[in-house]
Amino acid sequence: MEPGGCPWSAGFLMTNPPPPETEPPSSTWSRPVRTLLGLLIAYYAYPVELSESAPLIVVISLAGTVGGLLLVGTIMVKELGYVRHGGPGRGPRLLAMLLVLLVMASSLTFFLLNQTYPDQISGLETRTDALYFTLSTMTTVGFGDIHAEGQFARALVCVLLVFNVVVVASLIRLYTTGRDRGGKARD
């Protein structure tokens, strides 16, 4: 037998590396789906009810949520710059998780804003209303039943719309067209 031909010999292991492990297609998206479900549970369980004795809690929650939005936005902007300059990117699963985080953090921001200043968003009463408002705003559907009335809420909606059109749409375009799976530009 040739050197390295025996499966249990050191020569065989050095010349024939183990085959790469591949994930079955069903588990490829399991982490983003679990993340979505976990974030939905956290979104509805997050304690943010405004009370007379604890307005500071709502203000702290609002500041933390806006900080989370800034963090997610920064990661997405950096990812866009990285991919636009020829980097391979981190993949569509990360993009999906970032989009879910963006939706949840935006929804919580609108909900907390409305808890703190009820005249900012007309028709927003519950967390589901806030999620609905965020999704209809991000998809630019805007049914009008829930809408920003105050200047601060309108400014937040404008920032979300511009971010969605510039960063999110650009990332989706870069991941779906003009790039192969390795992140390199197609010829």
N, C-alpha and C. Protein backbone atom coordinates (compact mmCIF):
# COMPACT_ATOMS: atom_id res chain seq x y z
N MET A 1 0.85 -1.18 0.00
CA MET A 1 0.00 0.00 0.00
C MET A 1 0.89 1.23 0.00
N GLU A 2 0.48 2.26 -0.70
CA GLU A 2 1.25 3.49 -0.79
C GLU A 2 1.29 4.19 0.56
N PRO A 3 2.37 4.99 0.78
CA PRO A 3 2.38 5.73 2.03
C PRO A 3 1.20 6.70 2.08
N GLY A 4 0.59 6.73 3.19
CA GLY A 4 -0.55 7.63 3.37
C GLY A 4 -1.84 7.05 2.82
N GLY A 5 -1.86 5.80 2.34
CA GLY A 5 -3.05 5.22 1.75
C GLY A 5 -4.00 4.62 2.75
N CYS A 6 -3.53 4.31 3.92
CA CYS A 6 -4.36 3.70 4.94
C CYS A 6 -5.15 4.79 5.67
N PRO A 7 -6.47 4.64 5.80
CA PRO A 7 -7.28 5.69 6.38
C PRO A 7 -6.90 6.08 7.80
N TRP A 8 -6.31 5.19 8.56
CA TRP A 8 -5.97 5.53 9.94
C TRP A 8 -4.53 5.95 10.12
N SER A 9 -3.78 6.06 9.02
CA SER A 9 -2.39 6.49 9.13
C SER A 9 -2.29 8.01 9.11
N ALA A 10 -1.19 8.53 9.67
CA ALA A 10 -0.97 9.97 9.72
C ALA A 10 -0.82 10.55 8.33
N GLY A 11 -0.21 9.82 7.40
CA GLY A 11 -0.02 10.30 6.03
C GLY A 11 -1.34 10.51 5.32
N PHE A 12 -2.30 9.61 5.55
CA PHE A 12 -3.60 9.74 4.92
C PHE A 12 -4.31 10.99 5.42
N LEU A 13 -4.24 11.24 6.73
CA LEU A 13 -4.91 12.41 7.30
C LEU A 13 -4.28 13.70 6.83
N MET A 14 -2.96 13.70 6.58
CA MET A 14 -2.30 14.92 6.15
C MET A 14 -2.59 15.22 4.68
N THR A 15 -2.71 14.19 3.84
CA THR A 15 -2.93 14.42 2.42
C THR A 15 -4.41 14.53 2.07
N ASN A 16 -5.26 14.00 2.89
CA ASN A 16 -6.70 14.03 2.62
C ASN A 16 -7.44 14.68 3.78
N PRO A 17 -7.61 16.01 3.75
CA PRO A 17 -8.32 16.67 4.86
C PRO A 17 -9.77 16.23 4.87
N PRO A 18 -10.39 16.31 6.03
CA PRO A 18 -11.80 15.92 6.10
C PRO A 18 -12.65 16.83 5.22
N PRO A 19 -13.75 16.31 4.69
CA PRO A 19 -14.61 17.14 3.85
C PRO A 19 -15.22 18.27 4.67
N PRO A 20 -15.45 19.41 4.04
CA PRO A 20 -16.03 20.52 4.80
C PRO A 20 -17.44 20.17 5.25
N GLU A 21 -17.76 20.63 6.46
CA GLU A 21 -19.10 20.38 6.97
C GLU A 21 -20.06 21.38 6.34
N THR A 22 -21.17 20.89 5.88
CA THR A 22 -22.17 21.79 5.30
C THR A 22 -23.44 21.69 6.14
N GLU A 23 -24.09 22.83 6.29
CA GLU A 23 -25.33 22.85 7.04
C GLU A 23 -26.47 22.45 6.12
N PRO A 24 -27.40 21.66 6.62
CA PRO A 24 -28.56 21.37 5.79
C PRO A 24 -29.35 22.65 5.55
N PRO A 25 -30.02 22.76 4.40
CA PRO A 25 -30.75 24.00 4.09
C PRO A 25 -31.76 24.40 5.15
N SER A 26 -32.34 23.44 5.84
CA SER A 26 -33.34 23.79 6.85
C SER A 26 -32.73 24.53 8.03
N SER A 27 -31.45 24.27 8.34
CA SER A 27 -30.84 24.94 9.49
C SER A 27 -30.14 26.24 9.11
N THR A 28 -30.03 26.54 7.83
CA THR A 28 -29.35 27.75 7.39
C THR A 28 -30.03 29.00 7.92
N TRP A 29 -31.34 29.02 7.91
CA TRP A 29 -32.09 30.19 8.35
C TRP A 29 -32.69 30.01 9.73
N SER A 30 -32.31 28.95 10.43
CA SER A 30 -32.91 28.72 11.74
C SER A 30 -32.48 29.79 12.75
N ARG A 31 -31.24 30.25 12.70
CA ARG A 31 -30.79 31.27 13.65
C ARG A 31 -31.54 32.59 13.45
N PRO A 32 -31.66 33.10 12.21
CA PRO A 32 -32.45 34.34 12.05
C PRO A 32 -33.90 34.18 12.48
N VAL A 33 -34.50 33.02 12.24
CA VAL A 33 -35.89 32.81 12.64
C VAL A 33 -35.99 32.76 14.16
N ARG A 34 -35.05 32.08 14.81
CA ARG A 34 -35.04 32.05 16.28
C ARG A 34 -34.80 33.46 16.83
N THR A 35 -33.93 34.22 16.18
CA THR A 35 -33.68 35.59 16.61
C THR A 35 -34.93 36.43 16.48
N LEU A 36 -35.64 36.28 15.37
CA LEU A 36 -36.90 37.01 15.17
C LEU A 36 -37.89 36.69 16.28
N LEU A 37 -38.07 35.42 16.56
CA LEU A 37 -39.02 35.03 17.60
C LEU A 37 -38.58 35.54 18.97
N GLY A 38 -37.30 35.44 19.27
CA GLY A 38 -36.79 35.95 20.54
C GLY A 38 -36.97 37.45 20.67
N LEU A 39 -36.72 38.17 19.59
CA LEU A 39 -36.88 39.62 19.63
C LEU A 39 -38.35 40.03 19.75
N LEU A 40 -39.24 39.27 19.12
CA LEU A 40 -40.68 39.57 19.27
C LEU A 40 -41.12 39.36 20.71
N ILE A 41 -40.64 38.29 21.32
CA ILE A 41 -40.98 38.04 22.73
C ILE A 41 -40.41 39.15 23.61
N ALA A 42 -39.15 39.51 23.37
CA ALA A 42 -38.52 40.59 24.15
C ALA A 42 -39.24 41.92 23.92
N TYR A 43 -39.64 42.18 22.68
CA TYR A 43 -40.34 43.42 22.34
C TYR A 43 -41.62 43.56 23.15
N TYR A 44 -42.40 42.49 23.22
CA TYR A 44 -43.66 42.56 23.95
C TYR A 44 -43.47 42.44 25.47
N ALA A 45 -42.36 41.88 25.92
CA ALA A 45 -42.13 41.70 27.35
C ALA A 45 -41.37 42.87 27.98
N TYR A 46 -40.73 43.70 27.16
CA TYR A 46 -39.91 44.81 27.67
C TYR A 46 -40.77 45.76 28.49
N PRO A 47 -40.43 45.99 29.77
CA PRO A 47 -41.29 46.82 30.61
C PRO A 47 -41.12 48.31 30.31
N VAL A 48 -42.15 48.93 29.74
CA VAL A 48 -42.07 50.34 29.37
C VAL A 48 -43.33 51.13 29.72
N GLU A 49 -44.18 50.58 30.55
CA GLU A 49 -45.43 51.27 30.86
C GLU A 49 -45.13 52.56 31.63
N LEU A 50 -45.71 53.64 31.18
CA LEU A 50 -45.51 54.95 31.80
C LEU A 50 -46.40 55.04 33.05
N SER A 51 -45.77 55.43 34.12
CA SER A 51 -46.54 55.65 35.35
C SER A 51 -46.13 56.99 35.93
N GLU A 52 -46.97 57.52 36.79
CA GLU A 52 -46.70 58.81 37.41
C GLU A 52 -45.42 58.79 38.23
N SER A 53 -45.13 57.64 38.84
CA SER A 53 -44.00 57.57 39.75
C SER A 53 -42.67 57.25 39.06
N ALA A 54 -42.70 56.81 37.80
CA ALA A 54 -41.45 56.38 37.16
C ALA A 54 -41.27 56.90 35.73
N PRO A 55 -41.42 58.21 35.49
CA PRO A 55 -41.19 58.69 34.12
C PRO A 55 -39.72 58.57 33.72
N LEU A 56 -38.83 58.54 34.70
CA LEU A 56 -37.42 58.39 34.41
C LEU A 56 -37.12 57.05 33.75
N ILE A 57 -37.86 56.00 34.14
CA ILE A 57 -37.68 54.67 33.55
C ILE A 57 -37.97 54.72 32.06
N VAL A 58 -39.03 55.40 31.66
CA VAL A 58 -39.38 55.50 30.25
C VAL A 58 -38.32 56.29 29.49
N VAL A 59 -37.84 57.36 30.08
CA VAL A 59 -36.79 58.17 29.44
C VAL A 59 -35.52 57.35 29.28
N ILE A 60 -35.16 56.58 30.29
CA ILE A 60 -33.97 55.71 30.20
C ILE A 60 -34.20 54.64 29.13
N SER A 61 -35.39 54.05 29.11
CA SER A 61 -35.71 53.04 28.08
C SER A 61 -35.64 53.65 26.69
N LEU A 62 -36.16 54.86 26.53
CA LEU A 62 -36.12 55.53 25.23
C LEU A 62 -34.68 55.80 24.82
N ALA A 63 -33.85 56.26 25.75
CA ALA A 63 -32.44 56.52 25.44
C ALA A 63 -31.72 55.22 25.07
N GLY A 64 -32.01 54.14 25.80
CA GLY A 64 -31.39 52.85 25.48
C GLY A 64 -31.83 52.32 24.12
N THR A 65 -33.10 52.51 23.79
CA THR A 65 -33.61 52.06 22.49
C THR A 65 -33.01 52.87 21.35
N VAL A 66 -32.92 54.18 21.52
CA VAL A 66 -32.29 55.02 20.50
C VAL A 66 -30.82 54.64 20.35
N GLY A 67 -30.16 54.34 21.48
CA GLY A 67 -28.77 53.87 21.41
C GLY A 67 -28.66 52.57 20.63
N GLY A 68 -29.61 51.67 20.84
CA GLY A 68 -29.63 50.42 20.08
C GLY A 68 -29.85 50.67 18.59
N LEU A 69 -30.74 51.61 18.28
CA LEU A 69 -30.95 51.97 16.87
C LEU A 69 -29.67 52.52 16.25
N LEU A 70 -28.98 53.37 16.99
CA LEU A 70 -27.72 53.92 16.48
C LEU A 70 -26.68 52.83 16.26
N LEU A 71 -26.63 51.86 17.16
CA LEU A 71 -25.69 50.76 17.01
C LEU A 71 -26.01 49.91 15.78
N VAL A 72 -27.28 49.54 15.61
CA VAL A 72 -27.68 48.76 14.44
C VAL A 72 -27.42 49.56 13.16
N GLY A 73 -27.75 50.84 13.17
CA GLY A 73 -27.51 51.69 12.00
C GLY A 73 -26.04 51.78 11.67
N THR A 74 -25.20 51.92 12.68
CA THR A 74 -23.75 52.00 12.45
C THR A 74 -23.22 50.71 11.84
N ILE A 75 -23.67 49.57 12.36
CA ILE A 75 -23.24 48.28 11.81
C ILE A 75 -23.66 48.16 10.35
N MET A 76 -24.89 48.57 10.04
CA MET A 76 -25.38 48.46 8.66
C MET A 76 -24.62 49.40 7.73
N VAL A 77 -24.33 50.60 8.17
CA VAL A 77 -23.56 51.55 7.34
C VAL A 77 -22.15 51.01 7.10
N LYS A 78 -21.52 50.48 8.14
CA LYS A 78 -20.18 49.91 7.96
C LYS A 78 -20.21 48.71 7.01
N GLU A 79 -21.23 47.88 7.13
CA GLU A 79 -21.37 46.73 6.24
C GLU A 79 -21.53 47.20 4.79
N LEU A 80 -22.32 48.23 4.59
CA LEU A 80 -22.51 48.78 3.25
C LEU A 80 -21.17 49.27 2.68
N GLY A 81 -20.42 50.02 3.46
CA GLY A 81 -19.12 50.51 3.00
C GLY A 81 -18.17 49.37 2.71
N TYR A 82 -18.17 48.35 3.55
CA TYR A 82 -17.29 47.21 3.36
C TYR A 82 -17.62 46.46 2.07
N VAL A 83 -18.90 46.21 1.85
CA VAL A 83 -19.33 45.47 0.64
C VAL A 83 -19.10 46.31 -0.61
N ARG A 84 -19.37 47.61 -0.53
CA ARG A 84 -19.18 48.48 -1.71
C ARG A 84 -17.72 48.57 -2.12
N HIS A 85 -16.80 48.39 -1.17
CA HIS A 85 -15.38 48.45 -1.49
C HIS A 85 -14.79 47.08 -1.80
N GLY A 86 -15.63 46.12 -2.12
CA GLY A 86 -15.15 44.82 -2.57
C GLY A 86 -15.00 43.76 -1.51
N GLY A 87 -15.35 44.06 -0.28
CA GLY A 87 -15.28 43.06 0.78
C GLY A 87 -16.37 42.03 0.60
N PRO A 88 -16.17 40.83 1.15
CA PRO A 88 -17.15 39.76 0.95
C PRO A 88 -18.45 39.97 1.70
N GLY A 89 -18.46 40.81 2.70
CA GLY A 89 -19.68 41.00 3.47
C GLY A 89 -19.88 39.85 4.44
N ARG A 90 -20.82 40.02 5.32
CA ARG A 90 -21.05 39.00 6.34
C ARG A 90 -22.18 38.06 5.97
N GLY A 91 -22.89 38.33 4.91
CA GLY A 91 -23.91 37.41 4.43
C GLY A 91 -25.33 37.87 4.67
N PRO A 92 -26.23 37.28 3.93
CA PRO A 92 -27.64 37.66 4.01
C PRO A 92 -28.30 37.31 5.34
N ARG A 93 -27.79 36.30 6.05
CA ARG A 93 -28.39 35.97 7.34
C ARG A 93 -28.17 37.09 8.35
N LEU A 94 -26.95 37.66 8.34
CA LEU A 94 -26.69 38.79 9.24
C LEU A 94 -27.56 39.98 8.83
N LEU A 95 -27.68 40.21 7.54
CA LEU A 95 -28.53 41.30 7.06
C LEU A 95 -29.97 41.11 7.53
N ALA A 96 -30.46 39.88 7.47
CA ALA A 96 -31.83 39.60 7.93
C ALA A 96 -31.96 39.88 9.43
N MET A 97 -30.97 39.47 10.21
CA MET A 97 -31.03 39.73 11.65
C MET A 97 -30.95 41.23 11.95
N LEU A 98 -30.12 41.95 11.20
CA LEU A 98 -30.02 43.40 11.40
C LEU A 98 -31.33 44.09 11.05
N LEU A 99 -31.98 43.63 9.99
CA LEU A 99 -33.27 44.22 9.62
C LEU A 99 -34.32 43.98 10.71
N VAL A 100 -34.32 42.78 11.27
CA VAL A 100 -35.26 42.49 12.36
C VAL A 100 -34.95 43.38 13.56
N LEU A 101 -33.68 43.53 13.89
CA LEU A 101 -33.30 44.42 14.99
C LEU A 101 -33.71 45.86 14.71
N LEU A 102 -33.52 46.31 13.47
CA LEU A 102 -33.91 47.66 13.09
C LEU A 102 -35.41 47.86 13.26
N VAL A 103 -36.21 46.91 12.82
CA VAL A 103 -37.67 47.02 12.94
C VAL A 103 -38.08 47.03 14.41
N MET A 104 -37.52 46.11 15.20
CA MET A 104 -37.90 46.05 16.62
C MET A 104 -37.48 47.31 17.38
N ALA A 105 -36.26 47.77 17.15
CA ALA A 105 -35.79 48.97 17.86
C ALA A 105 -36.57 50.20 17.41
N SER A 106 -36.89 50.30 16.14
CA SER A 106 -37.69 51.43 15.65
C SER A 106 -39.09 51.40 16.26
N SER A 107 -39.68 50.22 16.29
CA SER A 107 -41.02 50.09 16.87
C SER A 107 -41.03 50.48 18.33
N LEU A 108 -40.04 50.01 19.06
CA LEU A 108 -39.98 50.34 20.48
C LEU A 108 -39.73 51.84 20.68
N THR A 109 -38.92 52.44 19.79
CA THR A 109 -38.69 53.89 19.87
C THR A 109 -39.99 54.66 19.66
N PHE A 110 -40.77 54.29 18.64
CA PHE A 110 -42.04 54.97 18.40
C PHE A 110 -43.01 54.76 19.56
N PHE A 111 -43.04 53.54 20.10
CA PHE A 111 -43.94 53.26 21.22
C PHE A 111 -43.55 54.10 22.45
N LEU A 112 -42.25 54.12 22.76
CA LEU A 112 -41.79 54.90 23.92
C LEU A 112 -41.99 56.40 23.71
N LEU A 113 -41.77 56.86 22.49
CA LEU A 113 -42.01 58.27 22.19
C LEU A 113 -43.47 58.61 22.44
N ASN A 114 -44.36 57.75 22.01
CA ASN A 114 -45.78 57.98 22.20
C ASN A 114 -46.18 57.87 23.67
N GLN A 115 -45.50 57.01 24.42
CA GLN A 115 -45.76 56.92 25.86
C GLN A 115 -45.35 58.21 26.56
N THR A 116 -44.22 58.78 26.12
CA THR A 116 -43.70 59.98 26.75
C THR A 116 -44.44 61.23 26.30
N TYR A 117 -44.69 61.33 25.00
CA TYR A 117 -45.39 62.48 24.40
C TYR A 117 -46.54 61.97 23.54
N PRO A 118 -47.71 61.78 24.12
CA PRO A 118 -48.83 61.17 23.40
C PRO A 118 -49.32 61.92 22.17
N ASP A 119 -48.96 63.19 22.01
CA ASP A 119 -49.43 63.96 20.86
C ASP A 119 -48.51 63.83 19.64
N GLN A 120 -47.45 63.03 19.72
CA GLN A 120 -46.51 62.92 18.61
C GLN A 120 -47.00 62.01 17.48
N ILE A 121 -47.65 60.90 17.82
CA ILE A 121 -48.09 59.93 16.80
C ILE A 121 -49.57 59.66 17.00
N SER A 122 -50.36 60.01 16.01
CA SER A 122 -51.81 59.84 16.09
C SER A 122 -52.19 58.38 15.80
N GLY A 123 -53.02 57.82 16.67
CA GLY A 123 -53.53 56.46 16.45
C GLY A 123 -52.66 55.36 17.03
N LEU A 124 -51.53 55.69 17.59
CA LEU A 124 -50.63 54.67 18.14
C LEU A 124 -50.98 54.46 19.61
N GLU A 125 -51.50 53.29 19.93
CA GLU A 125 -51.91 53.00 21.30
C GLU A 125 -51.15 51.82 21.90
N THR A 126 -50.83 50.82 21.11
CA THR A 126 -50.23 49.59 21.62
C THR A 126 -48.89 49.31 20.93
N ARG A 127 -48.21 48.32 21.44
CA ARG A 127 -46.94 47.91 20.81
C ARG A 127 -47.18 47.36 19.41
N THR A 128 -48.30 46.68 19.24
CA THR A 128 -48.63 46.17 17.90
C THR A 128 -48.87 47.32 16.94
N ASP A 129 -49.50 48.39 17.42
CA ASP A 129 -49.66 49.59 16.60
C ASP A 129 -48.30 50.14 16.19
N ALA A 130 -47.35 50.15 17.13
CA ALA A 130 -46.01 50.67 16.83
C ALA A 130 -45.29 49.80 15.81
N LEU A 131 -45.44 48.48 15.94
CA LEU A 131 -44.82 47.56 14.98
C LEU A 131 -45.45 47.74 13.60
N TYR A 132 -46.76 47.84 13.57
CA TYR A 132 -47.50 48.08 12.33
C TYR A 132 -47.07 49.40 11.68
N PHE A 133 -46.97 50.46 12.48
CA PHE A 133 -46.55 51.77 11.97
C PHE A 133 -45.14 51.70 11.40
N THR A 134 -44.23 51.03 12.10
CA THR A 134 -42.85 50.91 11.63
C THR A 134 -42.78 50.15 10.32
N LEU A 135 -43.48 49.01 10.25
CA LEU A 135 -43.44 48.22 9.01
C LEU A 135 -44.09 48.95 7.84
N SER A 136 -45.20 49.64 8.09
CA SER A 136 -45.83 50.38 6.98
C SER A 136 -44.99 51.57 6.56
N THR A 137 -44.23 52.14 7.49
CA THR A 137 -43.33 53.25 7.15
C THR A 137 -42.12 52.74 6.37
N MET A 138 -41.51 51.65 6.86
CA MET A 138 -40.30 51.13 6.20
C MET A 138 -40.59 50.59 4.81
N THR A 139 -41.78 50.06 4.61
CA THR A 139 -42.13 49.56 3.27
C THR A 139 -42.75 50.65 2.41
N THR A 140 -42.82 51.85 2.93
CA THR A 140 -43.37 53.05 2.28
C THR A 140 -44.83 52.87 1.85
N VAL A 141 -45.57 52.00 2.54
CA VAL A 141 -46.99 51.83 2.26
C VAL A 141 -47.77 52.97 2.88
N GLY A 142 -47.59 53.20 4.18
CA GLY A 142 -48.20 54.32 4.87
C GLY A 142 -49.70 54.44 4.68
N PHE A 143 -50.48 53.62 5.34
CA PHE A 143 -51.93 53.64 5.18
C PHE A 143 -52.57 54.92 5.70
N GLY A 144 -51.96 55.58 6.66
CA GLY A 144 -52.48 56.84 7.17
C GLY A 144 -53.30 56.72 8.42
N ASP A 145 -53.67 55.51 8.83
CA ASP A 145 -54.46 55.37 10.05
C ASP A 145 -53.63 55.69 11.29
N ILE A 146 -52.36 55.41 11.25
CA ILE A 146 -51.42 55.81 12.31
C ILE A 146 -50.39 56.68 11.60
N HIS A 147 -50.20 57.89 12.10
CA HIS A 147 -49.26 58.78 11.42
C HIS A 147 -48.61 59.75 12.41
N ALA A 148 -47.44 60.21 12.02
CA ALA A 148 -46.69 61.17 12.85
C ALA A 148 -47.35 62.54 12.75
N GLU A 149 -47.61 63.15 13.90
CA GLU A 149 -48.17 64.49 13.92
C GLU A 149 -47.19 65.51 14.46
N GLY A 150 -46.42 65.14 15.46
CA GLY A 150 -45.47 66.06 16.06
C GLY A 150 -44.19 66.16 15.24
N GLN A 151 -43.48 67.25 15.43
CA GLN A 151 -42.26 67.49 14.66
C GLN A 151 -41.16 66.46 14.97
N PHE A 152 -41.04 66.08 16.24
CA PHE A 152 -40.01 65.10 16.59
C PHE A 152 -40.31 63.74 15.96
N ALA A 153 -41.56 63.32 16.01
CA ALA A 153 -41.95 62.04 15.40
C ALA A 153 -41.76 62.09 13.88
N ARG A 154 -42.09 63.20 13.27
CA ARG A 154 -41.88 63.34 11.82
C ARG A 154 -40.40 63.29 11.46
N ALA A 155 -39.58 63.89 12.31
CA ALA A 155 -38.13 63.84 12.08
C ALA A 155 -37.62 62.39 12.17
N LEU A 156 -38.10 61.65 13.17
CA LEU A 156 -37.71 60.24 13.30
C LEU A 156 -38.16 59.42 12.08
N VAL A 157 -39.38 59.67 11.62
CA VAL A 157 -39.88 58.97 10.44
C VAL A 157 -39.02 59.30 9.22
N CYS A 158 -38.65 60.57 9.06
CA CYS A 158 -37.79 60.97 7.94
C CYS A 158 -36.44 60.26 8.00
N VAL A 159 -35.85 60.20 9.19
CA VAL A 159 -34.56 59.51 9.34
C VAL A 159 -34.71 58.03 8.99
N LEU A 160 -35.78 57.40 9.48
CA LEU A 160 -36.00 55.98 9.18
C LEU A 160 -36.21 55.76 7.69
N LEU A 161 -36.97 56.61 7.04
CA LEU A 161 -37.20 56.46 5.60
C LEU A 161 -35.91 56.64 4.79
N VAL A 162 -35.15 57.67 5.10
CA VAL A 162 -33.90 57.91 4.37
C VAL A 162 -32.93 56.76 4.61
N PHE A 163 -32.81 56.31 5.86
CA PHE A 163 -31.93 55.19 6.18
C PHE A 163 -32.36 53.95 5.42
N ASN A 164 -33.68 53.71 5.39
CA ASN A 164 -34.21 52.54 4.70
C ASN A 164 -33.91 52.59 3.21
N VAL A 165 -34.13 53.73 2.60
CA VAL A 165 -33.92 53.86 1.15
C VAL A 165 -32.43 53.82 0.79
N VAL A 166 -31.60 54.48 1.56
CA VAL A 166 -30.18 54.57 1.22
C VAL A 166 -29.42 53.33 1.66
N VAL A 167 -29.46 53.01 2.93
CA VAL A 167 -28.61 51.94 3.45
C VAL A 167 -29.21 50.55 3.24
N VAL A 168 -30.44 50.35 3.71
CA VAL A 168 -31.04 49.03 3.64
C VAL A 168 -31.22 48.60 2.18
N ALA A 169 -31.78 49.46 1.36
CA ALA A 169 -31.98 49.11 -0.04
C ALA A 169 -30.65 48.86 -0.75
N SER A 170 -29.63 49.63 -0.44
CA SER A 170 -28.31 49.42 -1.06
C SER A 170 -27.72 48.09 -0.64
N LEU A 171 -27.83 47.75 0.64
CA LEU A 171 -27.31 46.46 1.10
C LEU A 171 -28.04 45.30 0.43
N ILE A 172 -29.35 45.40 0.35
CA ILE A 172 -30.12 44.33 -0.30
C ILE A 172 -29.73 44.22 -1.76
N ARG A 173 -29.58 45.36 -2.43
CA ARG A 173 -29.18 45.32 -3.85
C ARG A 173 -27.81 44.70 -4.01
N LEU A 174 -26.87 45.07 -3.17
CA LEU A 174 -25.52 44.52 -3.28
C LEU A 174 -25.49 43.03 -2.99
N TYR A 175 -26.33 42.57 -2.10
CA TYR A 175 -26.35 41.15 -1.78
C TYR A 175 -27.10 40.33 -2.81
N THR A 176 -28.02 40.94 -3.54
CA THR A 176 -28.84 40.16 -4.47
C THR A 176 -28.44 40.30 -5.93
N THR A 177 -27.74 41.36 -6.29
CA THR A 177 -27.33 41.53 -7.69
C THR A 177 -25.88 41.97 -7.76
N GLY A 178 -25.24 41.57 -8.79
CA GLY A 178 -23.90 42.07 -9.06
C GLY A 178 -22.80 41.49 -8.21
N ARG A 179 -23.09 40.51 -7.38
CA ARG A 179 -22.06 39.89 -6.56
C ARG A 179 -22.27 38.39 -6.57
N ASP A 180 -21.16 37.65 -6.55
CA ASP A 180 -21.32 36.21 -6.44
C ASP A 180 -21.35 35.85 -4.96
N ARG A 181 -21.42 34.56 -4.65
CA ARG A 181 -21.55 34.14 -3.25
C ARG A 181 -20.34 34.48 -2.42
N GLY A 182 -19.19 34.62 -3.01
CA GLY A 182 -17.99 34.96 -2.27
C GLY A 182 -17.85 36.44 -2.01
N GLY A 183 -18.77 37.24 -2.52
CA GLY A 183 -18.73 38.67 -2.29
C GLY A 183 -17.98 39.42 -3.37
N LYS A 184 -17.45 38.70 -4.35
CA LYS A 184 -16.70 39.36 -5.42
C LYS A 184 -17.66 39.81 -6.51
N ALA A 185 -17.29 40.91 -7.16
CA ALA A 185 -18.12 41.44 -8.25
C ALA A 185 -18.14 40.45 -9.40
N ARG A 186 -19.32 40.28 -9.99
CA ARG A 186 -19.46 39.40 -11.16
C ARG A 186 -18.92 40.13 -12.39
N ASP A 187 -18.45 39.34 -13.32
CA ASP A 187 -17.96 39.94 -14.57
C ASP A 187 -19.06 40.19 -15.55
